[in-house]
């Protein structure tokens, strides 16, 4: 009997801790701290233990020491190419940058000494890569607009030393006018066992692979689509099942209809949330860590927006309309970047 009560007591403690963790992801305000203030457009950031890496226009990239806030600035070494960098990814020892436009060069950069090497080049007047991510220190992927009749997908299985482009014979066909948006390096999401790609334009769909790109399933979404600048601009998945997509009509930034949707079955089906309410055009959305998929933060045309109800309702925490991308360090702290800035966000109840 004593062991029974001890068991119940332990379960109650675990339950209380779990509930407390979820409660801690409820926010009512955010405190903003300026990290970088200079003329630069940043749409790609990632956290790396005690550093925040960023990449922007004109080949500029750098890192922020998260203890001292000291900023180290670097530049892609090129005399002839103007590099607009919108994709960033990493392994333990290397940083990878992928600019948009032709030529598409993947730059591998040593975190230790900042040495740079081009490990992939693609020449095509239609080439335009939108997002890149590594699953682990060996396997990485980038996705971009079609150069043929499928989305462009390149894959590495040797830690980024070499990359290969996946043939359209092994990828789903795109519809006419279907492409992707390089808004925030969040068109490609890799979870524990799945890869998700999102598209926009004349058609806005979700491409899902459970074997790292060998096979794909394609699912329709209710996000607004049909025009060049409509569709999914950003996605995030809390796990293999719970995901969120946002975007809208870039040319009508305050239109909040048909621009937010949630899935609980790994992208197979999507349900519009806060339709006609909440924010309009969304540039980037991220799940709050340890929130069980309940809490999200978005940046875009209507400032910093927060939901604690699976996206069904939203609260504006800040009015800054010039933030393009956001990433969390933990469930209380995030970093956002955009036009001429990087900021630190401290969320509080």
C-alpha atoms as a PDB file:
ATOM      1  CA  UNK A   1       0.000   0.000   0.000  1.00  0.00           C
ATOM      2  CA  UNK A   2       2.853   2.370   0.877  1.00  0.00           C
ATOM      3  CA  UNK A   3       4.444   1.754  -2.543  1.00  0.00           C
ATOM      4  CA  UNK A   4       1.079   2.537  -4.156  1.00  0.00           C
ATOM      5  CA  UNK A   5       0.858   5.953  -2.449  1.00  0.00           C
ATOM      6  CA  UNK A   6       4.485   6.680  -3.321  1.00  0.00           C
ATOM      7  CA  UNK A   7       3.686   5.905  -6.927  1.00  0.00           C
ATOM      8  CA  UNK A   8       0.650   8.223  -6.922  1.00  0.00           C
ATOM      9  CA  UNK A   9       2.706  10.977  -5.265  1.00  0.00           C
ATOM     10  CA  UNK A  10       5.396  10.725  -7.973  1.00  0.00           C
ATOM     11  CA  UNK A  11       2.746  10.902 -10.699  1.00  0.00           C
ATOM     12  CA  UNK A  12       1.260  14.029  -9.105  1.00  0.00           C
ATOM     13  CA  UNK A  13       4.694  15.698  -9.032  1.00  0.00           C
ATOM     14  CA  UNK A  14       5.307  14.836 -12.696  1.00  0.00           C
ATOM     15  CA  UNK A  15       1.870  16.138 -13.624  1.00  0.00           C
ATOM     16  CA  UNK A  16       2.437  19.374 -11.726  1.00  0.00           C
ATOM     17  CA  UNK A  17       5.798  19.943 -13.401  1.00  0.00           C
ATOM     18  CA  UNK A  18       4.299  19.288 -16.825  1.00  0.00           C
ATOM     19  CA  UNK A  19       1.445  21.711 -16.163  1.00  0.00           C
ATOM     20  CA  UNK A  20       3.867  24.324 -14.899  1.00  0.00           C
ATOM     21  CA  UNK A  21       5.959  24.001 -18.066  1.00  0.00           C
ATOM     22  CA  UNK A  22       2.883  24.672 -20.188  1.00  0.00           C
ATOM     23  CA  UNK A  23       1.797  27.613 -18.011  1.00  0.00           C
ATOM     24  CA  UNK A  24       5.241  29.155 -18.457  1.00  0.00           C
ATOM     25  CA  UNK A  25       4.597  29.548 -22.178  1.00  0.00           C
ATOM     26  CA  UNK A  26       1.747  32.008 -21.589  1.00  0.00           C
ATOM     27  CA  UNK A  27       2.928  35.518 -22.378  1.00  0.00           C
ATOM     28  CA  UNK A  28       1.292  38.906 -21.958  1.00  0.00           C
ATOM     29  CA  UNK A  29       4.179  41.133 -23.037  1.00  0.00           C
ATOM     30  CA  UNK A  30       7.626  41.162 -24.606  1.00  0.00           C
ATOM     31  CA  UNK A  31      10.675  43.240 -23.738  1.00  0.00           C
ATOM     32  CA  UNK A  32      12.835  44.269 -26.694  1.00  0.00           C
ATOM     33  CA  UNK A  33      16.623  44.639 -26.638  1.00  0.00           C
ATOM     34  CA  UNK A  34      18.552  45.919 -29.664  1.00  0.00           C
ATOM     35  CA  UNK A  35      21.406  43.623 -30.742  1.00  0.00           C
ATOM     36  CA  UNK A  36      22.352  45.027 -34.154  1.00  0.00           C
ATOM     37  CA  UNK A  37      21.418  48.357 -35.722  1.00  0.00           C
ATOM     38  CA  UNK A  38      22.895  48.999 -39.167  1.00  0.00           C
ATOM     39  CA  UNK A  39      21.914  49.111 -42.834  1.00  0.00           C
ATOM     40  CA  UNK A  40      21.314  45.447 -43.651  1.00  0.00           C
ATOM     41  CA  UNK A  41      18.378  43.249 -44.634  1.00  0.00           C
ATOM     42  CA  UNK A  42      18.332  39.962 -42.684  1.00  0.00           C
ATOM     43  CA  UNK A  43      16.013  37.047 -43.433  1.00  0.00           C
ATOM     44  CA  UNK A  44      18.141  34.157 -42.173  1.00  0.00           C
ATOM     45  CA  UNK A  45      19.185  33.517 -38.558  1.00  0.00           C
ATOM     46  CA  UNK A  46      19.927  30.498 -36.375  1.00  0.00           C
ATOM     47  CA  UNK A  47      21.031  29.874 -32.805  1.00  0.00           C
ATOM     48  CA  UNK A  48      24.218  27.931 -32.108  1.00  0.00           C
ATOM     49  CA  UNK A  49      24.778  27.299 -28.382  1.00  0.00           C
ATOM     50  CA  UNK A  50      26.174  30.655 -27.196  1.00  0.00           C
ATOM     51  CA  UNK A  51      25.974  32.350 -30.602  1.00  0.00           C
ATOM     52  CA  UNK A  52      23.402  33.692 -33.015  1.00  0.00           C
ATOM     53  CA  UNK A  53      24.407  33.505 -36.687  1.00  0.00           C
ATOM     54  CA  UNK A  54      22.819  35.797 -39.252  1.00  0.00           C
ATOM     55  CA  UNK A  55      23.030  36.367 -43.007  1.00  0.00           C
ATOM     56  CA  UNK A  56      21.747  39.173 -45.198  1.00  0.00           C
ATOM     57  CA  UNK A  57      22.182  41.165 -48.360  1.00  0.00           C
ATOM     58  CA  UNK A  58      25.417  42.074 -50.165  1.00  0.00           C
ATOM     59  CA  UNK A  59      27.109  38.908 -48.899  1.00  0.00           C
ATOM     60  CA  UNK A  60      27.069  40.081 -45.293  1.00  0.00           C
ATOM     61  CA  UNK A  61      26.875  37.575 -42.452  1.00  0.00           C
ATOM     62  CA  UNK A  62      28.055  37.393 -38.871  1.00  0.00           C
ATOM     63  CA  UNK A  63      27.580  36.088 -35.369  1.00  0.00           C
ATOM     64  CA  UNK A  64      26.458  37.526 -32.055  1.00  0.00           C
ATOM     65  CA  UNK A  65      27.969  36.381 -28.762  1.00  0.00           C
ATOM     66  CA  UNK A  66      24.863  35.823 -26.647  1.00  0.00           C
ATOM     67  CA  UNK A  67      26.752  36.424 -23.400  1.00  0.00           C
ATOM     68  CA  UNK A  68      28.401  39.729 -24.309  1.00  0.00           C
ATOM     69  CA  UNK A  69      26.217  40.800 -27.291  1.00  0.00           C
ATOM     70  CA  UNK A  70      29.480  41.373 -29.196  1.00  0.00           C
ATOM     71  CA  UNK A  71      28.897  41.228 -32.959  1.00  0.00           C
ATOM     72  CA  UNK A  72      31.474  39.756 -35.348  1.00  0.00           C
ATOM     73  CA  UNK A  73      30.892  40.746 -38.988  1.00  0.00           C
ATOM     74  CA  UNK A  74      32.032  38.877 -42.105  1.00  0.00           C
ATOM     75  CA  UNK A  75      31.434  38.914 -45.851  1.00  0.00           C
ATOM     76  CA  UNK A  76      31.300  36.343 -48.628  1.00  0.00           C
ATOM     77  CA  UNK A  77      34.466  36.665 -50.684  1.00  0.00           C
ATOM     78  CA  UNK A  78      33.372  37.495 -54.223  1.00  0.00           C
ATOM     79  CA  UNK A  79      34.373  40.256 -56.641  1.00  0.00           C
ATOM     80  CA  UNK A  80      31.741  39.593 -59.281  1.00  0.00           C
ATOM     81  CA  UNK A  81      28.653  38.141 -57.560  1.00  0.00           C
ATOM     82  CA  UNK A  82      26.192  40.111 -55.443  1.00  0.00           C
ATOM     83  CA  UNK A  83      25.040  37.611 -52.829  1.00  0.00           C
ATOM     84  CA  UNK A  84      21.584  38.066 -51.333  1.00  0.00           C
ATOM     85  CA  UNK A  85      21.692  35.394 -48.614  1.00  0.00           C
ATOM     86  CA  UNK A  86      18.328  34.116 -47.413  1.00  0.00           C
ATOM     87  CA  UNK A  87      19.186  30.532 -46.426  1.00  0.00           C
ATOM     88  CA  UNK A  88      21.401  29.504 -43.528  1.00  0.00           C
ATOM     89  CA  UNK A  89      22.084  26.127 -41.907  1.00  0.00           C
ATOM     90  CA  UNK A  90      24.742  24.481 -39.778  1.00  0.00           C
ATOM     91  CA  UNK A  91      26.519  21.378 -38.612  1.00  0.00           C
ATOM     92  CA  UNK A  92      28.734  21.179 -35.546  1.00  0.00           C
ATOM     93  CA  UNK A  93      31.791  22.699 -37.194  1.00  0.00           C
ATOM     94  CA  UNK A  94      30.468  24.435 -40.304  1.00  0.00           C
ATOM     95  CA  UNK A  95      28.044  27.136 -41.329  1.00  0.00           C
ATOM     96  CA  UNK A  96      26.306  26.932 -44.719  1.00  0.00           C
ATOM     97  CA  UNK A  97      25.030  29.929 -46.669  1.00  0.00           C
ATOM     98  CA  UNK A  98      22.956  29.795 -49.842  1.00  0.00           C
ATOM     99  CA  UNK A  99      22.158  33.034 -51.690  1.00  0.00           C
ATOM    100  CA  UNK A 100      19.155  33.477 -53.969  1.00  0.00           C
ATOM    101  CA  UNK A 101      19.654  33.984 -57.676  1.00  0.00           C
ATOM    102  CA  UNK A 102      22.015  32.779 -60.365  1.00  0.00           C
ATOM    103  CA  UNK A 103      24.542  31.263 -59.786  1.00  0.00           C
ATOM    104  CA  UNK A 104      23.382  29.255 -56.783  1.00  0.00           C
ATOM    105  CA  UNK A 105      26.485  28.708 -54.688  1.00  0.00           C
ATOM    106  CA  UNK A 106      26.452  26.809 -51.393  1.00  0.00           C
ATOM    107  CA  UNK A 107      29.181  28.293 -49.205  1.00  0.00           C
ATOM    108  CA  UNK A 108      30.654  26.104 -46.470  1.00  0.00           C
ATOM    109  CA  UNK A 109      32.258  28.244 -43.778  1.00  0.00           C
ATOM    110  CA  UNK A 110      34.414  27.020 -40.923  1.00  0.00           C
ATOM    111  CA  UNK A 111      33.131  28.190 -37.547  1.00  0.00           C
ATOM    112  CA  UNK A 112      36.685  28.014 -36.249  1.00  0.00           C
ATOM    113  CA  UNK A 113      38.599  30.239 -38.675  1.00  0.00           C
ATOM    114  CA  UNK A 114      35.904  31.581 -41.044  1.00  0.00           C
ATOM    115  CA  UNK A 115      37.535  29.947 -44.095  1.00  0.00           C
ATOM    116  CA  UNK A 116      35.123  29.729 -47.038  1.00  0.00           C
ATOM    117  CA  UNK A 117      34.616  27.101 -49.710  1.00  0.00           C
ATOM    118  CA  UNK A 118      32.017  26.746 -52.472  1.00  0.00           C
ATOM    119  CA  UNK A 119      30.748  23.159 -52.277  1.00  0.00           C
ATOM    120  CA  UNK A 120      27.922  23.375 -54.834  1.00  0.00           C
ATOM    121  CA  UNK A 121      27.199  25.549 -57.862  1.00  0.00           C
ATOM    122  CA  UNK A 122      24.133  25.619 -60.082  1.00  0.00           C
ATOM    123  CA  UNK A 123      23.890  27.819 -63.165  1.00  0.00           C
ATOM    124  CA  UNK A 124      20.396  28.514 -64.424  1.00  0.00           C
ATOM    125  CA  UNK A 125      18.553  31.749 -65.127  1.00  0.00           C
ATOM    126  CA  UNK A 126      15.578  30.400 -63.164  1.00  0.00           C
ATOM    127  CA  UNK A 127      17.516  29.238 -60.101  1.00  0.00           C
ATOM    128  CA  UNK A 128      16.321  30.707 -56.806  1.00  0.00           C
ATOM    129  CA  UNK A 129      16.787  28.815 -53.529  1.00  0.00           C
ATOM    130  CA  UNK A 130      14.563  29.676 -50.582  1.00  0.00           C
ATOM    131  CA  UNK A 131      15.466  27.599 -47.536  1.00  0.00           C
ATOM    132  CA  UNK A 132      18.067  25.183 -46.140  1.00  0.00           C
ATOM    133  CA  UNK A 133      18.343  22.959 -43.070  1.00  0.00           C
ATOM    134  CA  UNK A 134      20.396  20.045 -41.699  1.00  0.00           C
ATOM    135  CA  UNK A 135      18.814  17.055 -39.986  1.00  0.00           C
ATOM    136  CA  UNK A 136      22.115  16.107 -38.333  1.00  0.00           C
ATOM    137  CA  UNK A 137      25.822  16.568 -38.992  1.00  0.00           C
ATOM    138  CA  UNK A 138      25.668  14.464 -42.169  1.00  0.00           C
ATOM    139  CA  UNK A 139      22.296  15.009 -43.813  1.00  0.00           C
ATOM    140  CA  UNK A 140      21.120  18.343 -45.147  1.00  0.00           C
ATOM    141  CA  UNK A 141      18.679  19.697 -47.714  1.00  0.00           C
ATOM    142  CA  UNK A 142      17.819  22.928 -49.503  1.00  0.00           C
ATOM    143  CA  UNK A 143      14.745  23.773 -51.558  1.00  0.00           C
ATOM    144  CA  UNK A 144      13.943  26.422 -54.119  1.00  0.00           C
ATOM    145  CA  UNK A 145      11.830  27.531 -57.045  1.00  0.00           C
ATOM    146  CA  UNK A 146      11.376  25.258 -60.065  1.00  0.00           C
ATOM    147  CA  UNK A 147      13.930  25.358 -62.855  1.00  0.00           C
ATOM    148  CA  UNK A 148      11.976  22.588 -64.586  1.00  0.00           C
ATOM    149  CA  UNK A 149       8.593  21.061 -63.653  1.00  0.00           C
ATOM    150  CA  UNK A 150       9.346  20.372 -59.967  1.00  0.00           C
ATOM    151  CA  UNK A 151      10.601  22.257 -56.957  1.00  0.00           C
ATOM    152  CA  UNK A 152      14.387  22.437 -56.810  1.00  0.00           C
ATOM    153  CA  UNK A 153      15.774  20.156 -54.094  1.00  0.00           C
ATOM    154  CA  UNK A 154      19.448  19.574 -53.336  1.00  0.00           C
ATOM    155  CA  UNK A 155      20.680  17.045 -50.763  1.00  0.00           C
ATOM    156  CA  UNK A 156      23.930  16.280 -48.954  1.00  0.00           C
ATOM    157  CA  UNK A 157      24.677  13.076 -47.048  1.00  0.00           C
ATOM    158  CA  UNK A 158      28.332  13.780 -46.221  1.00  0.00           C
ATOM    159  CA  UNK A 159      28.063  16.794 -43.953  1.00  0.00           C
ATOM    160  CA  UNK A 160      27.829  19.349 -46.749  1.00  0.00           C
ATOM    161  CA  UNK A 161      31.072  18.443 -48.515  1.00  0.00           C
ATOM    162  CA  UNK A 162      29.109  17.635 -51.667  1.00  0.00           C
ATOM    163  CA  UNK A 163      25.519  18.187 -52.843  1.00  0.00           C
ATOM    164  CA  UNK A 164      23.380  16.657 -55.565  1.00  0.00           C
ATOM    165  CA  UNK A 165      20.241  17.965 -57.176  1.00  0.00           C
ATOM    166  CA  UNK A 166      17.262  15.612 -57.072  1.00  0.00           C
ATOM    167  CA  UNK A 167      15.875  14.797 -60.504  1.00  0.00           C
ATOM    168  CA  UNK A 168      12.326  15.872 -61.301  1.00  0.00           C
ATOM    169  CA  UNK A 169      11.699  12.196 -62.063  1.00  0.00           C
ATOM    170  CA  UNK A 170      11.916  11.645 -58.296  1.00  0.00           C
ATOM    171  CA  UNK A 171       9.880  14.666 -57.201  1.00  0.00           C
ATOM    172  CA  UNK A 172       6.210  15.637 -57.478  1.00  0.00           C
ATOM    173  CA  UNK A 173       5.343  17.913 -60.380  1.00  0.00           C
ATOM    174  CA  UNK A 174       4.430  21.508 -59.615  1.00  0.00           C
ATOM    175  CA  UNK A 175       1.422  23.313 -60.984  1.00  0.00           C
ATOM    176  CA  UNK A 176       1.875  26.262 -63.325  1.00  0.00           C
ATOM    177  CA  UNK A 177       2.832  29.339 -61.292  1.00  0.00           C
ATOM    178  CA  UNK A 178       3.703  27.332 -58.166  1.00  0.00           C
ATOM    179  CA  UNK A 179       6.987  28.257 -56.477  1.00  0.00           C
ATOM    180  CA  UNK A 180       8.199  29.333 -53.016  1.00  0.00           C
ATOM    181  CA  UNK A 181       9.080  32.477 -51.071  1.00  0.00           C
ATOM    182  CA  UNK A 182      12.449  33.257 -49.502  1.00  0.00           C
ATOM    183  CA  UNK A 183      10.866  35.286 -46.717  1.00  0.00           C
ATOM    184  CA  UNK A 184      12.441  33.817 -43.585  1.00  0.00           C
ATOM    185  CA  UNK A 185      14.295  30.547 -44.293  1.00  0.00           C
ATOM    186  CA  UNK A 186      11.244  28.599 -43.160  1.00  0.00           C
ATOM    187  CA  UNK A 187       9.898  26.896 -46.307  1.00  0.00           C
ATOM    188  CA  UNK A 188      11.785  23.719 -45.363  1.00  0.00           C
ATOM    189  CA  UNK A 189      11.292  22.026 -41.992  1.00  0.00           C
ATOM    190  CA  UNK A 190      12.968  18.816 -40.884  1.00  0.00           C
ATOM    191  CA  UNK A 191      11.590  17.015 -37.811  1.00  0.00           C
ATOM    192  CA  UNK A 192      12.682  13.735 -36.242  1.00  0.00           C
ATOM    193  CA  UNK A 193      11.431  11.599 -39.099  1.00  0.00           C
ATOM    194  CA  UNK A 194       9.877  13.866 -41.736  1.00  0.00           C
ATOM    195  CA  UNK A 195      10.707  16.625 -44.197  1.00  0.00           C
ATOM    196  CA  UNK A 196       8.166  19.320 -45.057  1.00  0.00           C
ATOM    197  CA  UNK A 197       8.350  21.733 -48.004  1.00  0.00           C
ATOM    198  CA  UNK A 198       5.773  24.474 -48.563  1.00  0.00           C
ATOM    199  CA  UNK A 199       4.903  26.311 -51.756  1.00  0.00           C
ATOM    200  CA  UNK A 200       3.035  29.410 -52.820  1.00  0.00           C
ATOM    201  CA  UNK A 201       1.964  31.479 -55.792  1.00  0.00           C
ATOM    202  CA  UNK A 202      -0.728  30.125 -58.091  1.00  0.00           C
ATOM    203  CA  UNK A 203      -0.822  26.976 -55.944  1.00  0.00           C
ATOM    204  CA  UNK A 204      -0.002  26.598 -52.235  1.00  0.00           C
ATOM    205  CA  UNK A 205       0.688  23.067 -51.034  1.00  0.00           C
ATOM    206  CA  UNK A 206       2.714  21.003 -48.560  1.00  0.00           C
ATOM    207  CA  UNK A 207       5.186  18.335 -49.734  1.00  0.00           C
ATOM    208  CA  UNK A 208       5.961  15.640 -47.149  1.00  0.00           C
ATOM    209  CA  UNK A 209       8.665  12.961 -47.111  1.00  0.00           C
ATOM    210  CA  UNK A 210       9.220  10.362 -44.384  1.00  0.00           C
ATOM    211  CA  UNK A 211      12.476   9.003 -45.881  1.00  0.00           C
ATOM    212  CA  UNK A 212      14.504  12.178 -46.411  1.00  0.00           C
ATOM    213  CA  UNK A 213      13.415  12.927 -49.931  1.00  0.00           C
ATOM    214  CA  UNK A 214      13.248   9.500 -51.536  1.00  0.00           C
ATOM    215  CA  UNK A 215       9.452   9.602 -51.769  1.00  0.00           C
ATOM    216  CA  UNK A 216       6.951  12.437 -51.409  1.00  0.00           C
ATOM    217  CA  UNK A 217       3.289  12.998 -50.693  1.00  0.00           C
ATOM    218  CA  UNK A 218       1.606  16.295 -51.619  1.00  0.00           C
ATOM    219  CA  UNK A 219      -1.302  17.822 -49.732  1.00  0.00           C
ATOM    220  CA  UNK A 220      -3.547  20.757 -50.545  1.00  0.00           C
ATOM    221  CA  UNK A 221      -3.961  23.659 -48.120  1.00  0.00           C
ATOM    222  CA  UNK A 222      -6.728  26.242 -47.613  1.00  0.00           C
ATOM    223  CA  UNK A 223      -4.230  29.134 -47.613  1.00  0.00           C
ATOM    224  CA  UNK A 224      -5.068  31.918 -50.080  1.00  0.00           C
ATOM    225  CA  UNK A 225      -3.531  31.181 -53.484  1.00  0.00           C
ATOM    226  CA  UNK A 226      -3.991  31.863 -57.164  1.00  0.00           C
ATOM    227  CA  UNK A 227      -1.848  34.979 -57.594  1.00  0.00           C
ATOM    228  CA  UNK A 228       1.900  35.457 -57.875  1.00  0.00           C
ATOM    229  CA  UNK A 229       2.353  36.873 -54.371  1.00  0.00           C
ATOM    230  CA  UNK A 230      -0.118  34.689 -52.470  1.00  0.00           C
ATOM    231  CA  UNK A 231       0.359  31.483 -50.522  1.00  0.00           C
ATOM    232  CA  UNK A 232       2.472  30.015 -47.743  1.00  0.00           C
ATOM    233  CA  UNK A 233       5.437  32.187 -46.811  1.00  0.00           C
ATOM    234  CA  UNK A 234       6.407  30.350 -43.613  1.00  0.00           C
ATOM    235  CA  UNK A 235       5.849  27.067 -41.807  1.00  0.00           C
ATOM    236  CA  UNK A 236       6.903  25.393 -38.595  1.00  0.00           C
ATOM    237  CA  UNK A 237       6.332  21.949 -37.109  1.00  0.00           C
ATOM    238  CA  UNK A 238       6.386  21.302 -33.384  1.00  0.00           C
ATOM    239  CA  UNK A 239       6.836  17.581 -34.056  1.00  0.00           C
ATOM    240  CA  UNK A 240       5.988  15.094 -36.804  1.00  0.00           C
ATOM    241  CA  UNK A 241       2.245  15.750 -36.399  1.00  0.00           C
ATOM    242  CA  UNK A 242       1.598  19.321 -35.216  1.00  0.00           C
ATOM    243  CA  UNK A 243       2.330  22.053 -37.737  1.00  0.00           C
ATOM    244  CA  UNK A 244       1.393  25.600 -38.665  1.00  0.00           C
ATOM    245  CA  UNK A 245       1.511  27.525 -41.943  1.00  0.00           C
ATOM    246  CA  UNK A 246       1.076  31.229 -42.572  1.00  0.00           C
ATOM    247  CA  UNK A 247       1.510  33.826 -45.271  1.00  0.00           C
ATOM    248  CA  UNK A 248      -1.323  35.420 -47.177  1.00  0.00           C
ATOM    249  CA  UNK A 249      -1.209  38.087 -49.840  1.00  0.00           C
ATOM    250  CA  UNK A 250       2.075  40.007 -49.767  1.00  0.00           C
ATOM    251  CA  UNK A 251       0.474  42.821 -51.753  1.00  0.00           C
ATOM    252  CA  UNK A 252      -2.396  43.130 -49.251  1.00  0.00           C
ATOM    253  CA  UNK A 253      -0.490  42.922 -45.940  1.00  0.00           C
ATOM    254  CA  UNK A 254      -3.472  43.692 -43.699  1.00  0.00           C
ATOM    255  CA  UNK A 255      -5.740  41.044 -45.220  1.00  0.00           C
ATOM    256  CA  UNK A 256      -6.145  38.419 -42.485  1.00  0.00           C
ATOM    257  CA  UNK A 257      -8.411  36.017 -44.363  1.00  0.00           C
ATOM    258  CA  UNK A 258      -7.319  32.499 -45.323  1.00  0.00           C
ATOM    259  CA  UNK A 259      -3.713  33.077 -44.211  1.00  0.00           C
ATOM    260  CA  UNK A 260      -3.280  30.859 -41.128  1.00  0.00           C
ATOM    261  CA  UNK A 261      -3.804  27.100 -40.830  1.00  0.00           C
ATOM    262  CA  UNK A 262      -3.011  24.259 -38.425  1.00  0.00           C
ATOM    263  CA  UNK A 263      -2.453  20.530 -38.885  1.00  0.00           C
ATOM    264  CA  UNK A 264      -2.499  17.737 -36.311  1.00  0.00           C
ATOM    265  CA  UNK A 265      -1.881  14.847 -38.702  1.00  0.00           C
ATOM    266  CA  UNK A 266       1.503  15.655 -40.209  1.00  0.00           C
ATOM    267  CA  UNK A 267       0.273  17.942 -42.970  1.00  0.00           C
ATOM    268  CA  UNK A 268      -2.341  15.651 -44.515  1.00  0.00           C
ATOM    269  CA  UNK A 269      -5.214  17.942 -43.568  1.00  0.00           C
ATOM    270  CA  UNK A 270      -5.232  21.633 -42.655  1.00  0.00           C
ATOM    271  CA  UNK A 271      -7.801  23.769 -40.883  1.00  0.00           C
ATOM    272  CA  UNK A 272      -7.957  27.540 -41.167  1.00  0.00           C
ATOM    273  CA  UNK A 273      -7.625  29.314 -37.810  1.00  0.00           C
ATOM    274  CA  UNK A 274      -8.368  32.927 -36.843  1.00  0.00           C
ATOM    275  CA  UNK A 275      -9.833  33.428 -40.299  1.00  0.00           C
ATOM    276  CA  UNK A 276     -10.637  37.120 -40.676  1.00  0.00           C
ATOM    277  CA  UNK A 277      -9.000  37.812 -37.304  1.00  0.00           C
ATOM    278  CA  UNK A 278      -5.495  38.188 -35.945  1.00  0.00           C
ATOM    279  CA  UNK A 279      -2.618  39.272 -38.173  1.00  0.00           C
ATOM    280  CA  UNK A 280      -2.470  39.712 -41.936  1.00  0.00           C
ATOM    281  CA  UNK A 281       0.593  38.825 -43.989  1.00  0.00           C
ATOM    282  CA  UNK A 282       2.949  36.633 -41.935  1.00  0.00           C
ATOM    283  CA  UNK A 283       6.649  36.516 -42.813  1.00  0.00           C
ATOM    284  CA  UNK A 284       7.698  33.911 -40.238  1.00  0.00           C
ATOM    285  CA  UNK A 285       6.050  31.722 -37.606  1.00  0.00           C
ATOM    286  CA  UNK A 286       7.667  29.593 -34.893  1.00  0.00           C
ATOM    287  CA  UNK A 287       6.331  27.314 -32.165  1.00  0.00           C
ATOM    288  CA  UNK A 288       7.300  28.241 -28.625  1.00  0.00           C
ATOM    289  CA  UNK A 289       9.523  25.475 -27.191  1.00  0.00           C
ATOM    290  CA  UNK A 290       7.970  23.298 -24.447  1.00  0.00           C
ATOM    291  CA  UNK A 291       4.464  24.552 -25.287  1.00  0.00           C
ATOM    292  CA  UNK A 292       3.150  21.176 -26.478  1.00  0.00           C
ATOM    293  CA  UNK A 293       2.383  22.831 -29.819  1.00  0.00           C
ATOM    294  CA  UNK A 294      -0.095  25.216 -28.252  1.00  0.00           C
ATOM    295  CA  UNK A 295       1.882  28.475 -28.399  1.00  0.00           C
ATOM    296  CA  UNK A 296       3.239  30.300 -31.449  1.00  0.00           C
ATOM    297  CA  UNK A 297       4.849  33.611 -32.313  1.00  0.00           C
ATOM    298  CA  UNK A 298       4.692  35.280 -35.720  1.00  0.00           C
ATOM    299  CA  UNK A 299       6.369  38.347 -37.200  1.00  0.00           C
ATOM    300  CA  UNK A 300       5.247  40.275 -40.241  1.00  0.00           C
ATOM    301  CA  UNK A 301       3.060  43.118 -41.408  1.00  0.00           C
ATOM    302  CA  UNK A 302       1.164  43.398 -38.118  1.00  0.00           C
ATOM    303  CA  UNK A 303       4.107  43.267 -35.727  1.00  0.00           C
ATOM    304  CA  UNK A 304       4.972  40.570 -33.227  1.00  0.00           C
ATOM    305  CA  UNK A 305       1.930  38.352 -32.706  1.00  0.00           C
ATOM    306  CA  UNK A 306       1.407  35.637 -30.096  1.00  0.00           C
ATOM    307  CA  UNK A 307      -1.081  32.803 -29.713  1.00  0.00           C
ATOM    308  CA  UNK A 308      -1.569  30.473 -26.771  1.00  0.00           C
ATOM    309  CA  UNK A 309      -4.557  28.695 -28.341  1.00  0.00           C
ATOM    310  CA  UNK A 310      -3.177  26.705 -31.274  1.00  0.00           C
ATOM    311  CA  UNK A 311      -3.447  29.788 -33.467  1.00  0.00           C
ATOM    312  CA  UNK A 312      -7.162  30.262 -32.912  1.00  0.00           C
ATOM    313  CA  UNK A 313      -6.637  33.706 -31.357  1.00  0.00           C
ATOM    314  CA  UNK A 314      -3.738  36.172 -31.465  1.00  0.00           C
ATOM    315  CA  UNK A 315      -2.419  39.011 -29.343  1.00  0.00           C
ATOM    316  CA  UNK A 316      -0.167  41.758 -30.678  1.00  0.00           C
ATOM    317  CA  UNK A 317       2.854  42.121 -28.371  1.00  0.00           C
ATOM    318  CA  UNK A 318       4.776  44.687 -30.443  1.00  0.00           C
ATOM    319  CA  UNK A 319       4.005  46.863 -33.465  1.00  0.00           C
ATOM    320  CA  UNK A 320       7.338  46.497 -35.323  1.00  0.00           C
ATOM    321  CA  UNK A 321       6.394  45.762 -38.958  1.00  0.00           C
ATOM    322  CA  UNK A 322       9.962  45.455 -40.235  1.00  0.00           C
ATOM    323  CA  UNK A 323      10.854  42.046 -38.801  1.00  0.00           C
ATOM    324  CA  UNK A 324      11.211  39.216 -41.307  1.00  0.00           C
ATOM    325  CA  UNK A 325      12.344  36.177 -39.326  1.00  0.00           C
ATOM    326  CA  UNK A 326      12.414  34.815 -35.766  1.00  0.00           C
ATOM    327  CA  UNK A 327      14.004  31.891 -33.903  1.00  0.00           C
ATOM    328  CA  UNK A 328      13.711  30.796 -30.262  1.00  0.00           C
ATOM    329  CA  UNK A 329      16.651  30.222 -27.926  1.00  0.00           C
ATOM    330  CA  UNK A 330      14.376  28.779 -25.234  1.00  0.00           C
ATOM    331  CA  UNK A 331      10.753  29.143 -24.192  1.00  0.00           C
ATOM    332  CA  UNK A 332      11.314  32.639 -22.813  1.00  0.00           C
ATOM    333  CA  UNK A 333      13.808  34.123 -25.259  1.00  0.00           C
ATOM    334  CA  UNK A 334      13.873  34.578 -29.019  1.00  0.00           C
ATOM    335  CA  UNK A 335      15.755  36.604 -31.602  1.00  0.00           C
ATOM    336  CA  UNK A 336      14.205  38.372 -34.564  1.00  0.00           C
ATOM    337  CA  UNK A 337      15.755  40.134 -37.531  1.00  0.00           C
ATOM    338  CA  UNK A 338      14.643  42.227 -40.440  1.00  0.00           C
ATOM    339  CA  UNK A 339      15.242  45.620 -41.974  1.00  0.00           C
ATOM    340  CA  UNK A 340      18.434  47.084 -40.473  1.00  0.00           C
ATOM    341  CA  UNK A 341      18.173  45.175 -37.202  1.00  0.00           C
ATOM    342  CA  UNK A 342      18.504  42.179 -34.957  1.00  0.00           C
ATOM    343  CA  UNK A 343      16.600  42.274 -31.676  1.00  0.00           C
ATOM    344  CA  UNK A 344      16.335  40.075 -28.606  1.00  0.00           C
ATOM    345  CA  UNK A 345      12.842  39.269 -27.340  1.00  0.00           C
ATOM    346  CA  UNK A 346      12.260  38.439 -23.685  1.00  0.00           C
ATOM    347  CA  UNK A 347       8.730  37.109 -23.177  1.00  0.00           C
ATOM    348  CA  UNK A 348       7.046  37.501 -19.790  1.00  0.00           C
ATOM    349  CA  UNK A 349       3.656  36.740 -18.283  1.00  0.00           C
END
